[in-house]
Amino acid sequence: MQTALKSALSCALLAVLAACASGPESTRSISKEERLENLMKIAAAAVAENDSISALETLNLIKSIDDSIPREHLLYALAYLNKNEYDLAEKSARRALALDPRFTAAKNALGKILMEQGNLTEAEPLLKDAASDILYRDSSLPKTNLGMLYYKRMDYGNAGIWLEKAIAEQGPYTCYARYYLGKVRLEQQDLNAASRNFLMALKGSCSGLSEVHLALGQTLIREKKFDQARAKMIEIQRLFPNSDASDKAGEFLRGIP
């Protein structure tokens, strides 16, 4: 999948650079704006696939043409965040906001970056601003991030409120909100709600995340549902062989009555 993506990105990039489209359009020179937009789409696709190297290479090309596009610096921030380069990510997100102070996606990105660095005080108003933008199509993201922020603060009441708001939007990132809501309910000693949220998270795009499977398995143990917990731990070993998750599942298996 990753190799195919890189190949597709390379072909698309070459097509943009050479303007070598087939058919009647092949002799038409593309404008600077069209070229930048095409490159931006390539960079965004690479970021979405966590191919940070391809994203940064494309963004460097965009930067050489025009360094004043807010979305360009947001994509830089996200690519750096994918590589855990928090200082570079923060610098790029701040640059995007300097170019466009109303750029909601950049507010969310900077809030997320600051939260990951432990700067919850500065992150909170940025995420609240992003979450309050009713025109922001991905507003479940800052709501989820706010839930995570309050979870880190051990303010489980506010964490639950924001995570439930994120879930209510039924966006593509709902499973992450479900996972953190499960963790919140665990802290509140509501084991039934915790296991229910973990189970629902696994029905979404979080199905490949070992930590969600482990969280459900541990909760089932705490609920004394030992047969279900045993089955879940065996499933984790099958899904994630030769991993830390598999080792932890083995440890839990040995402790199940």
C-alpha atoms as a PDB file:
ATOM      1  CA  MET A   1       0.000   0.000   0.000  1.00  0.00           C
ATOM      2  CA  GLN A   2       2.735   2.452   0.972  1.00  0.00           C
ATOM      3  CA  THR A   3       4.861   1.585  -2.089  1.00  0.00           C
ATOM      4  CA  ALA A   4       1.867   2.001  -4.372  1.00  0.00           C
ATOM      5  CA  LEU A   5       1.104   5.364  -2.805  1.00  0.00           C
ATOM      6  CA  LYS A   6       4.651   6.602  -3.262  1.00  0.00           C
ATOM      7  CA  SER A   7       4.580   5.498  -6.871  1.00  0.00           C
ATOM      8  CA  ALA A   8       1.277   7.283  -7.457  1.00  0.00           C
ATOM      9  CA  LEU A   9       2.549  10.421  -5.757  1.00  0.00           C
ATOM     10  CA  SER A  10       5.715  10.383  -7.824  1.00  0.00           C
ATOM     11  CA  CYS A  11       3.752  10.003 -11.060  1.00  0.00           C
ATOM     12  CA  ALA A  12       1.385  12.780 -10.080  1.00  0.00           C
ATOM     13  CA  LEU A  13       4.262  15.052  -9.128  1.00  0.00           C
ATOM     14  CA  LEU A  14       6.038  14.407 -12.407  1.00  0.00           C
ATOM     15  CA  ALA A  15       2.835  15.093 -14.298  1.00  0.00           C
ATOM     16  CA  VAL A  16       2.387  18.403 -12.514  1.00  0.00           C
ATOM     17  CA  LEU A  17       5.968  19.485 -12.996  1.00  0.00           C
ATOM     18  CA  ALA A  18       6.135  18.514 -16.638  1.00  0.00           C
ATOM     19  CA  ALA A  19       2.529  19.489 -17.415  1.00  0.00           C
ATOM     20  CA  CYS A  20       2.441  16.350 -19.523  1.00  0.00           C
ATOM     21  CA  ALA A  21      -1.261  15.519 -19.437  1.00  0.00           C
ATOM     22  CA  SER A  22      -2.513  13.473 -22.346  1.00  0.00           C
ATOM     23  CA  GLY A  23      -5.152  14.575 -24.841  1.00  0.00           C
ATOM     24  CA  PRO A  24      -6.059  18.099 -25.979  1.00  0.00           C
ATOM     25  CA  GLU A  25      -4.906  19.647 -22.676  1.00  0.00           C
ATOM     26  CA  SER A  26      -1.298  18.487 -23.186  1.00  0.00           C
ATOM     27  CA  THR A  27      -0.206  21.624 -25.035  1.00  0.00           C
ATOM     28  CA  ARG A  28      -1.748  24.038 -22.532  1.00  0.00           C
ATOM     29  CA  SER A  29       0.628  25.597 -20.015  1.00  0.00           C
ATOM     30  CA  ILE A  30      -0.715  25.425 -16.493  1.00  0.00           C
ATOM     31  CA  SER A  31      -0.792  28.583 -14.399  1.00  0.00           C
ATOM     32  CA  LYS A  32       1.186  29.117 -11.230  1.00  0.00           C
ATOM     33  CA  GLU A  33      -2.029  28.854  -9.198  1.00  0.00           C
ATOM     34  CA  GLU A  34      -2.973  25.531 -10.830  1.00  0.00           C
ATOM     35  CA  ARG A  35       0.507  24.153 -10.293  1.00  0.00           C
ATOM     36  CA  LEU A  36       0.463  25.140  -6.621  1.00  0.00           C
ATOM     37  CA  GLU A  37      -3.007  23.678  -6.100  1.00  0.00           C
ATOM     38  CA  ASN A  38      -1.990  20.378  -7.682  1.00  0.00           C
ATOM     39  CA  LEU A  39       1.141  20.204  -5.556  1.00  0.00           C
ATOM     40  CA  MET A  40      -0.887  21.062  -2.459  1.00  0.00           C
ATOM     41  CA  LYS A  41      -3.223  18.126  -3.148  1.00  0.00           C
ATOM     42  CA  ILE A  42      -0.219  15.816  -3.478  1.00  0.00           C
ATOM     43  CA  ALA A  43       1.246  17.072  -0.185  1.00  0.00           C
ATOM     44  CA  ALA A  44      -2.115  16.717   1.588  1.00  0.00           C
ATOM     45  CA  ALA A  45      -2.519  13.146   0.319  1.00  0.00           C
ATOM     46  CA  ALA A  46       0.975  12.261   1.557  1.00  0.00           C
ATOM     47  CA  VAL A  47       0.248  13.742   4.998  1.00  0.00           C
ATOM     48  CA  ALA A  48      -3.019  11.784   5.178  1.00  0.00           C
ATOM     49  CA  GLU A  49      -1.110   8.567   4.420  1.00  0.00           C
ATOM     50  CA  ASN A  50       1.557   9.448   7.024  1.00  0.00           C
ATOM     51  CA  ASP A  51       4.179   9.627   4.251  1.00  0.00           C
ATOM     52  CA  SER A  52       5.943  12.610   5.784  1.00  0.00           C
ATOM     53  CA  ILE A  53       9.022  12.421   3.562  1.00  0.00           C
ATOM     54  CA  SER A  54       7.004  12.735   0.350  1.00  0.00           C
ATOM     55  CA  ALA A  55       4.921  15.474   1.952  1.00  0.00           C
ATOM     56  CA  LEU A  56       7.966  17.506   2.984  1.00  0.00           C
ATOM     57  CA  GLU A  57       9.623  17.089  -0.410  1.00  0.00           C
ATOM     58  CA  THR A  58       6.490  18.380  -2.133  1.00  0.00           C
ATOM     59  CA  LEU A  59       6.065  21.206   0.381  1.00  0.00           C
ATOM     60  CA  ASN A  60       9.662  22.286  -0.152  1.00  0.00           C
ATOM     61  CA  LEU A  61       8.857  22.609  -3.847  1.00  0.00           C
ATOM     62  CA  ILE A  62       5.747  24.643  -3.047  1.00  0.00           C
ATOM     63  CA  LYS A  63       7.813  26.843  -0.730  1.00  0.00           C
ATOM     64  CA  SER A  64      10.278  27.568  -3.517  1.00  0.00           C
ATOM     65  CA  ILE A  65       7.386  28.905  -5.614  1.00  0.00           C
ATOM     66  CA  ASP A  66       5.383  30.724  -2.924  1.00  0.00           C
ATOM     67  CA  ASP A  67       6.100  30.834   0.815  1.00  0.00           C
ATOM     68  CA  SER A  68       3.012  32.822   1.791  1.00  0.00           C
ATOM     69  CA  ILE A  69       0.234  30.213   1.630  1.00  0.00           C
ATOM     70  CA  PRO A  70      -1.303  29.418   5.054  1.00  0.00           C
ATOM     71  CA  ARG A  71      -2.369  25.890   4.015  1.00  0.00           C
ATOM     72  CA  GLU A  72       1.221  25.138   2.959  1.00  0.00           C
ATOM     73  CA  HIS A  73       2.483  25.851   6.486  1.00  0.00           C
ATOM     74  CA  LEU A  74      -0.380  23.895   8.057  1.00  0.00           C
ATOM     75  CA  LEU A  75       0.665  20.865   5.995  1.00  0.00           C
ATOM     76  CA  TYR A  76       4.269  21.403   7.099  1.00  0.00           C
ATOM     77  CA  ALA A  77       3.034  21.381  10.709  1.00  0.00           C
ATOM     78  CA  LEU A  78       1.082  18.152  10.221  1.00  0.00           C
ATOM     79  CA  ALA A  79       3.972  16.445   8.418  1.00  0.00           C
ATOM     80  CA  TYR A  80       6.368  17.404  11.222  1.00  0.00           C
ATOM     81  CA  LEU A  81       3.813  16.281  13.820  1.00  0.00           C
ATOM     82  CA  ASN A  82       3.649  12.864  12.130  1.00  0.00           C
ATOM     83  CA  LYS A  83       7.429  12.637  12.626  1.00  0.00           C
ATOM     84  CA  ASN A  84       7.185  13.829  16.276  1.00  0.00           C
ATOM     85  CA  GLU A  85       9.197  16.941  15.393  1.00  0.00           C
ATOM     86  CA  TYR A  86       7.212  19.137  17.764  1.00  0.00           C
ATOM     87  CA  ASP A  87       9.356  22.274  17.648  1.00  0.00           C
ATOM     88  CA  LEU A  88       9.274  22.376  13.840  1.00  0.00           C
ATOM     89  CA  ALA A  89       5.546  21.562  13.861  1.00  0.00           C
ATOM     90  CA  GLU A  90       4.832  24.383  16.290  1.00  0.00           C
ATOM     91  CA  LYS A  91       6.850  26.867  14.246  1.00  0.00           C
ATOM     92  CA  SER A  92       4.981  25.944  11.061  1.00  0.00           C
ATOM     93  CA  ALA A  93       1.544  26.096  12.716  1.00  0.00           C
ATOM     94  CA  ARG A  94       2.357  29.525  14.158  1.00  0.00           C
ATOM     95  CA  ARG A  95       3.454  30.662  10.690  1.00  0.00           C
ATOM     96  CA  ALA A  96       0.129  29.499   9.221  1.00  0.00           C
ATOM     97  CA  LEU A  97      -1.774  31.492  11.849  1.00  0.00           C
ATOM     98  CA  ALA A  98       0.422  34.551  11.342  1.00  0.00           C
ATOM     99  CA  LEU A  99      -0.547  34.482   7.670  1.00  0.00           C
ATOM    100  CA  ASP A 100      -4.242  33.886   8.469  1.00  0.00           C
ATOM    101  CA  PRO A 101      -5.279  34.477  12.104  1.00  0.00           C
ATOM    102  CA  ARG A 102      -8.771  33.057  11.376  1.00  0.00           C
ATOM    103  CA  PHE A 103      -7.466  29.750   9.989  1.00  0.00           C
ATOM    104  CA  THR A 104      -9.416  27.266  12.117  1.00  0.00           C
ATOM    105  CA  ALA A 105      -7.539  24.150  11.027  1.00  0.00           C
ATOM    106  CA  ALA A 106      -4.259  25.829  12.016  1.00  0.00           C
ATOM    107  CA  LYS A 107      -5.693  26.729  15.433  1.00  0.00           C
ATOM    108  CA  ASN A 108      -6.617  23.093  15.959  1.00  0.00           C
ATOM    109  CA  ALA A 109      -3.192  21.911  14.779  1.00  0.00           C
ATOM    110  CA  LEU A 110      -1.299  24.346  17.012  1.00  0.00           C
ATOM    111  CA  GLY A 111      -3.536  23.448  19.951  1.00  0.00           C
ATOM    112  CA  LYS A 112      -2.848  19.743  19.381  1.00  0.00           C
ATOM    113  CA  ILE A 113       0.911  20.348  19.087  1.00  0.00           C
ATOM    114  CA  LEU A 114       1.022  22.449  22.259  1.00  0.00           C
ATOM    115  CA  MET A 115      -1.038  19.837  24.109  1.00  0.00           C
ATOM    116  CA  GLU A 116       1.399  17.090  23.068  1.00  0.00           C
ATOM    117  CA  GLN A 117       4.213  19.270  24.444  1.00  0.00           C
ATOM    118  CA  GLY A 118       2.401  19.641  27.754  1.00  0.00           C
ATOM    119  CA  ASN A 119       1.473  23.303  27.246  1.00  0.00           C
ATOM    120  CA  LEU A 120      -2.204  22.835  28.103  1.00  0.00           C
ATOM    121  CA  THR A 121      -2.764  26.457  29.130  1.00  0.00           C
ATOM    122  CA  GLU A 122      -1.975  27.891  25.701  1.00  0.00           C
ATOM    123  CA  ALA A 123      -3.561  24.972  23.861  1.00  0.00           C
ATOM    124  CA  GLU A 124      -6.982  25.275  25.522  1.00  0.00           C
ATOM    125  CA  PRO A 125      -8.201  28.608  24.026  1.00  0.00           C
ATOM    126  CA  LEU A 126      -6.923  27.665  20.569  1.00  0.00           C
ATOM    127  CA  LEU A 127      -8.870  24.401  20.635  1.00  0.00           C
ATOM    128  CA  LYS A 128     -11.976  26.127  22.007  1.00  0.00           C
ATOM    129  CA  ASP A 129     -11.840  28.682  19.194  1.00  0.00           C
ATOM    130  CA  ALA A 130     -11.537  25.887  16.632  1.00  0.00           C
ATOM    131  CA  ALA A 131     -14.346  23.865  18.230  1.00  0.00           C
ATOM    132  CA  SER A 132     -16.692  26.878  18.205  1.00  0.00           C
ATOM    133  CA  ASP A 133     -16.348  27.494  14.452  1.00  0.00           C
ATOM    134  CA  ILE A 134     -19.692  26.189  13.146  1.00  0.00           C
ATOM    135  CA  LEU A 135     -18.396  26.342   9.568  1.00  0.00           C
ATOM    136  CA  TYR A 136     -15.401  24.094  10.267  1.00  0.00           C
ATOM    137  CA  ARG A 137     -16.173  20.763   8.628  1.00  0.00           C
ATOM    138  CA  ASP A 138     -13.816  18.808  10.899  1.00  0.00           C
ATOM    139  CA  SER A 139     -14.967  20.409  14.149  1.00  0.00           C
ATOM    140  CA  SER A 140     -15.083  16.981  15.814  1.00  0.00           C
ATOM    141  CA  LEU A 141     -11.263  17.109  15.803  1.00  0.00           C
ATOM    142  CA  PRO A 142     -10.822  20.100  18.176  1.00  0.00           C
ATOM    143  CA  LYS A 143     -13.661  18.732  20.315  1.00  0.00           C
ATOM    144  CA  THR A 144     -11.816  15.413  20.589  1.00  0.00           C
ATOM    145  CA  ASN A 145      -8.581  17.244  21.335  1.00  0.00           C
ATOM    146  CA  LEU A 146     -10.310  19.241  24.074  1.00  0.00           C
ATOM    147  CA  GLY A 147     -11.544  15.992  25.585  1.00  0.00           C
ATOM    148  CA  MET A 148      -7.983  14.681  25.556  1.00  0.00           C
ATOM    149  CA  LEU A 149      -6.707  17.935  27.081  1.00  0.00           C
ATOM    150  CA  TYR A 150      -9.145  17.756  30.000  1.00  0.00           C
ATOM    151  CA  TYR A 151      -8.371  14.051  30.429  1.00  0.00           C
ATOM    152  CA  LYS A 152      -4.705  14.979  30.811  1.00  0.00           C
ATOM    153  CA  ARG A 153      -5.757  17.540  33.441  1.00  0.00           C
ATOM    154  CA  MET A 154      -7.789  14.835  35.199  1.00  0.00           C
ATOM    155  CA  ASP A 155     -10.863  17.038  34.713  1.00  0.00           C
ATOM    156  CA  TYR A 156     -13.017  14.089  33.741  1.00  0.00           C
ATOM    157  CA  GLY A 157     -16.290  16.003  33.800  1.00  0.00           C
ATOM    158  CA  ASN A 158     -15.236  18.442  31.067  1.00  0.00           C
ATOM    159  CA  ALA A 159     -13.400  15.695  29.215  1.00  0.00           C
ATOM    160  CA  GLY A 160     -16.613  13.692  28.959  1.00  0.00           C
ATOM    161  CA  ILE A 161     -18.619  16.714  27.819  1.00  0.00           C
ATOM    162  CA  TRP A 162     -16.294  17.518  24.915  1.00  0.00           C
ATOM    163  CA  LEU A 163     -15.825  13.905  23.872  1.00  0.00           C
ATOM    164  CA  GLU A 164     -19.578  13.385  23.762  1.00  0.00           C
ATOM    165  CA  LYS A 165     -19.904  16.522  21.608  1.00  0.00           C
ATOM    166  CA  ALA A 166     -17.314  15.082  19.225  1.00  0.00           C
ATOM    167  CA  ILE A 167     -19.125  11.748  19.082  1.00  0.00           C
ATOM    168  CA  ALA A 168     -22.469  13.465  18.405  1.00  0.00           C
ATOM    169  CA  GLU A 169     -21.069  14.851  15.150  1.00  0.00           C
ATOM    170  CA  GLN A 170     -20.469  11.299  13.873  1.00  0.00           C
ATOM    171  CA  GLY A 171     -17.384  12.342  11.963  1.00  0.00           C
ATOM    172  CA  PRO A 172     -14.605  10.128  10.613  1.00  0.00           C
ATOM    173  CA  TYR A 173     -12.627  10.480  13.847  1.00  0.00           C
ATOM    174  CA  THR A 174     -15.377   9.329  16.209  1.00  0.00           C
ATOM    175  CA  CYS A 175     -13.479   6.209  17.266  1.00  0.00           C
ATOM    176  CA  TYR A 176     -10.720   8.283  18.888  1.00  0.00           C
ATOM    177  CA  ALA A 177     -13.306  10.193  20.913  1.00  0.00           C
ATOM    178  CA  ARG A 178     -14.907   6.869  21.861  1.00  0.00           C
ATOM    179  CA  TYR A 179     -11.544   5.521  23.028  1.00  0.00           C
ATOM    180  CA  TYR A 180     -10.853   8.523  25.248  1.00  0.00           C
ATOM    181  CA  LEU A 181     -14.413   8.546  26.544  1.00  0.00           C
ATOM    182  CA  GLY A 182     -13.840   4.927  27.548  1.00  0.00           C
ATOM    183  CA  LYS A 183     -10.723   6.012  29.467  1.00  0.00           C
ATOM    184  CA  VAL A 184     -12.716   8.787  31.143  1.00  0.00           C
ATOM    185  CA  ARG A 185     -15.446   6.349  32.205  1.00  0.00           C
ATOM    186  CA  LEU A 186     -12.781   4.035  33.618  1.00  0.00           C
ATOM    187  CA  GLU A 187     -11.499   6.859  35.793  1.00  0.00           C
ATOM    188  CA  GLN A 188     -15.088   7.485  36.897  1.00  0.00           C
ATOM    189  CA  GLN A 189     -15.410   3.769  37.810  1.00  0.00           C
ATOM    190  CA  ASP A 190     -18.191   3.247  35.257  1.00  0.00           C
ATOM    191  CA  LEU A 191     -16.851  -0.031  33.882  1.00  0.00           C
ATOM    192  CA  ASN A 192     -19.907  -0.871  31.786  1.00  0.00           C
ATOM    193  CA  ALA A 193     -19.774   2.479  29.958  1.00  0.00           C
ATOM    194  CA  ALA A 194     -16.010   2.143  29.540  1.00  0.00           C
ATOM    195  CA  SER A 195     -16.160  -1.289  27.902  1.00  0.00           C
ATOM    196  CA  ARG A 196     -19.082  -0.182  25.719  1.00  0.00           C
ATOM    197  CA  ASN A 197     -17.100   2.795  24.400  1.00  0.00           C
ATOM    198  CA  PHE A 198     -13.977   0.716  23.787  1.00  0.00           C
ATOM    199  CA  LEU A 199     -16.048  -1.841  21.889  1.00  0.00           C
ATOM    200  CA  MET A 200     -17.650   0.879  19.748  1.00  0.00           C
ATOM    201  CA  ALA A 201     -14.227   2.422  19.077  1.00  0.00           C
ATOM    202  CA  LEU A 202     -13.066  -0.915  17.675  1.00  0.00           C
ATOM    203  CA  LYS A 203     -15.939  -0.886  15.185  1.00  0.00           C
ATOM    204  CA  GLY A 204     -14.454   2.231  13.570  1.00  0.00           C
ATOM    205  CA  SER A 205     -11.057   3.135  12.189  1.00  0.00           C
ATOM    206  CA  CYS A 206      -9.439   2.328  15.558  1.00  0.00           C
ATOM    207  CA  SER A 207      -9.793  -1.403  14.896  1.00  0.00           C
ATOM    208  CA  GLY A 208      -6.073  -1.620  14.126  1.00  0.00           C
ATOM    209  CA  LEU A 209      -4.918   0.105  17.323  1.00  0.00           C
ATOM    210  CA  SER A 210      -3.584  -2.384  19.848  1.00  0.00           C
ATOM    211  CA  GLU A 211      -4.037   0.007  22.783  1.00  0.00           C
ATOM    212  CA  VAL A 212      -7.808   0.070  22.222  1.00  0.00           C
ATOM    213  CA  HIS A 213      -7.965  -3.743  22.188  1.00  0.00           C
ATOM    214  CA  LEU A 214      -5.887  -3.881  25.380  1.00  0.00           C
ATOM    215  CA  ALA A 215      -8.063  -1.273  27.080  1.00  0.00           C
ATOM    216  CA  LEU A 216     -11.156  -3.350  26.344  1.00  0.00           C
ATOM    217  CA  GLY A 217      -9.470  -6.535  27.555  1.00  0.00           C
ATOM    218  CA  GLN A 218      -8.334  -4.904  30.811  1.00  0.00           C
ATOM    219  CA  THR A 219     -11.806  -3.506  31.405  1.00  0.00           C
ATOM    220  CA  LEU A 220     -13.377  -6.925  30.890  1.00  0.00           C
ATOM    221  CA  ILE A 221     -11.011  -8.283  33.551  1.00  0.00           C
ATOM    222  CA  ARG A 222     -12.080  -5.540  35.953  1.00  0.00           C
ATOM    223  CA  GLU A 223     -15.711  -6.422  35.196  1.00  0.00           C
ATOM    224  CA  LYS A 224     -14.837 -10.049  36.075  1.00  0.00           C
ATOM    225  CA  LYS A 225     -15.952 -11.165  32.634  1.00  0.00           C
ATOM    226  CA  PHE A 226     -13.043 -13.562  32.523  1.00  0.00           C
ATOM    227  CA  ASP A 227     -14.081 -15.697  29.551  1.00  0.00           C
ATOM    228  CA  GLN A 228     -14.543 -12.607  27.360  1.00  0.00           C
ATOM    229  CA  ALA A 229     -11.292 -11.112  28.643  1.00  0.00           C
ATOM    230  CA  ARG A 230      -9.396 -14.325  27.906  1.00  0.00           C
ATOM    231  CA  ALA A 231     -10.782 -14.417  24.369  1.00  0.00           C
ATOM    232  CA  LYS A 232      -9.819 -10.768  23.823  1.00  0.00           C
ATOM    233  CA  MET A 233      -6.233 -11.295  25.012  1.00  0.00           C
ATOM    234  CA  ILE A 234      -5.855 -14.324  22.726  1.00  0.00           C
ATOM    235  CA  GLU A 235      -7.225 -12.211  19.873  1.00  0.00           C
ATOM    236  CA  ILE A 236      -4.640  -9.490  20.612  1.00  0.00           C
ATOM    237  CA  GLN A 237      -1.831 -12.042  20.403  1.00  0.00           C
ATOM    238  CA  ARG A 238      -3.196 -13.198  17.045  1.00  0.00           C
ATOM    239  CA  LEU A 239      -3.703  -9.675  15.641  1.00  0.00           C
ATOM    240  CA  PHE A 240      -0.423  -8.189  16.910  1.00  0.00           C
ATOM    241  CA  PRO A 241       2.180 -11.002  17.042  1.00  0.00           C
ATOM    242  CA  ASN A 242       5.722 -10.204  18.215  1.00  0.00           C
ATOM    243  CA  SER A 243       4.652  -6.853  19.670  1.00  0.00           C
ATOM    244  CA  ASP A 244       4.569  -5.166  23.075  1.00  0.00           C
ATOM    245  CA  ALA A 245       0.783  -5.508  22.961  1.00  0.00           C
ATOM    246  CA  SER A 246       1.110  -9.263  22.487  1.00  0.00           C
ATOM    247  CA  ASP A 247       3.520  -9.475  25.425  1.00  0.00           C
ATOM    248  CA  LYS A 248       1.144  -7.484  27.645  1.00  0.00           C
ATOM    249  CA  ALA A 249      -1.770  -9.672  26.566  1.00  0.00           C
ATOM    250  CA  GLY A 250       0.258 -12.721  27.594  1.00  0.00           C
ATOM    251  CA  GLU A 251       0.891 -11.216  31.017  1.00  0.00           C
ATOM    252  CA  PHE A 252      -2.819 -10.521  31.484  1.00  0.00           C
ATOM    253  CA  LEU A 253      -3.698 -14.042  30.316  1.00  0.00           C
ATOM    254  CA  ARG A 254      -1.513 -15.551  33.007  1.00  0.00           C
ATOM    255  CA  GLY A 255      -3.361 -13.522  35.652  1.00  0.00           C
ATOM    256  CA  ILE A 256      -6.911 -14.334  34.555  1.00  0.00           C
ATOM    257  CA  PRO A 257      -8.549 -16.870  36.931  1.00  0.00           C
END
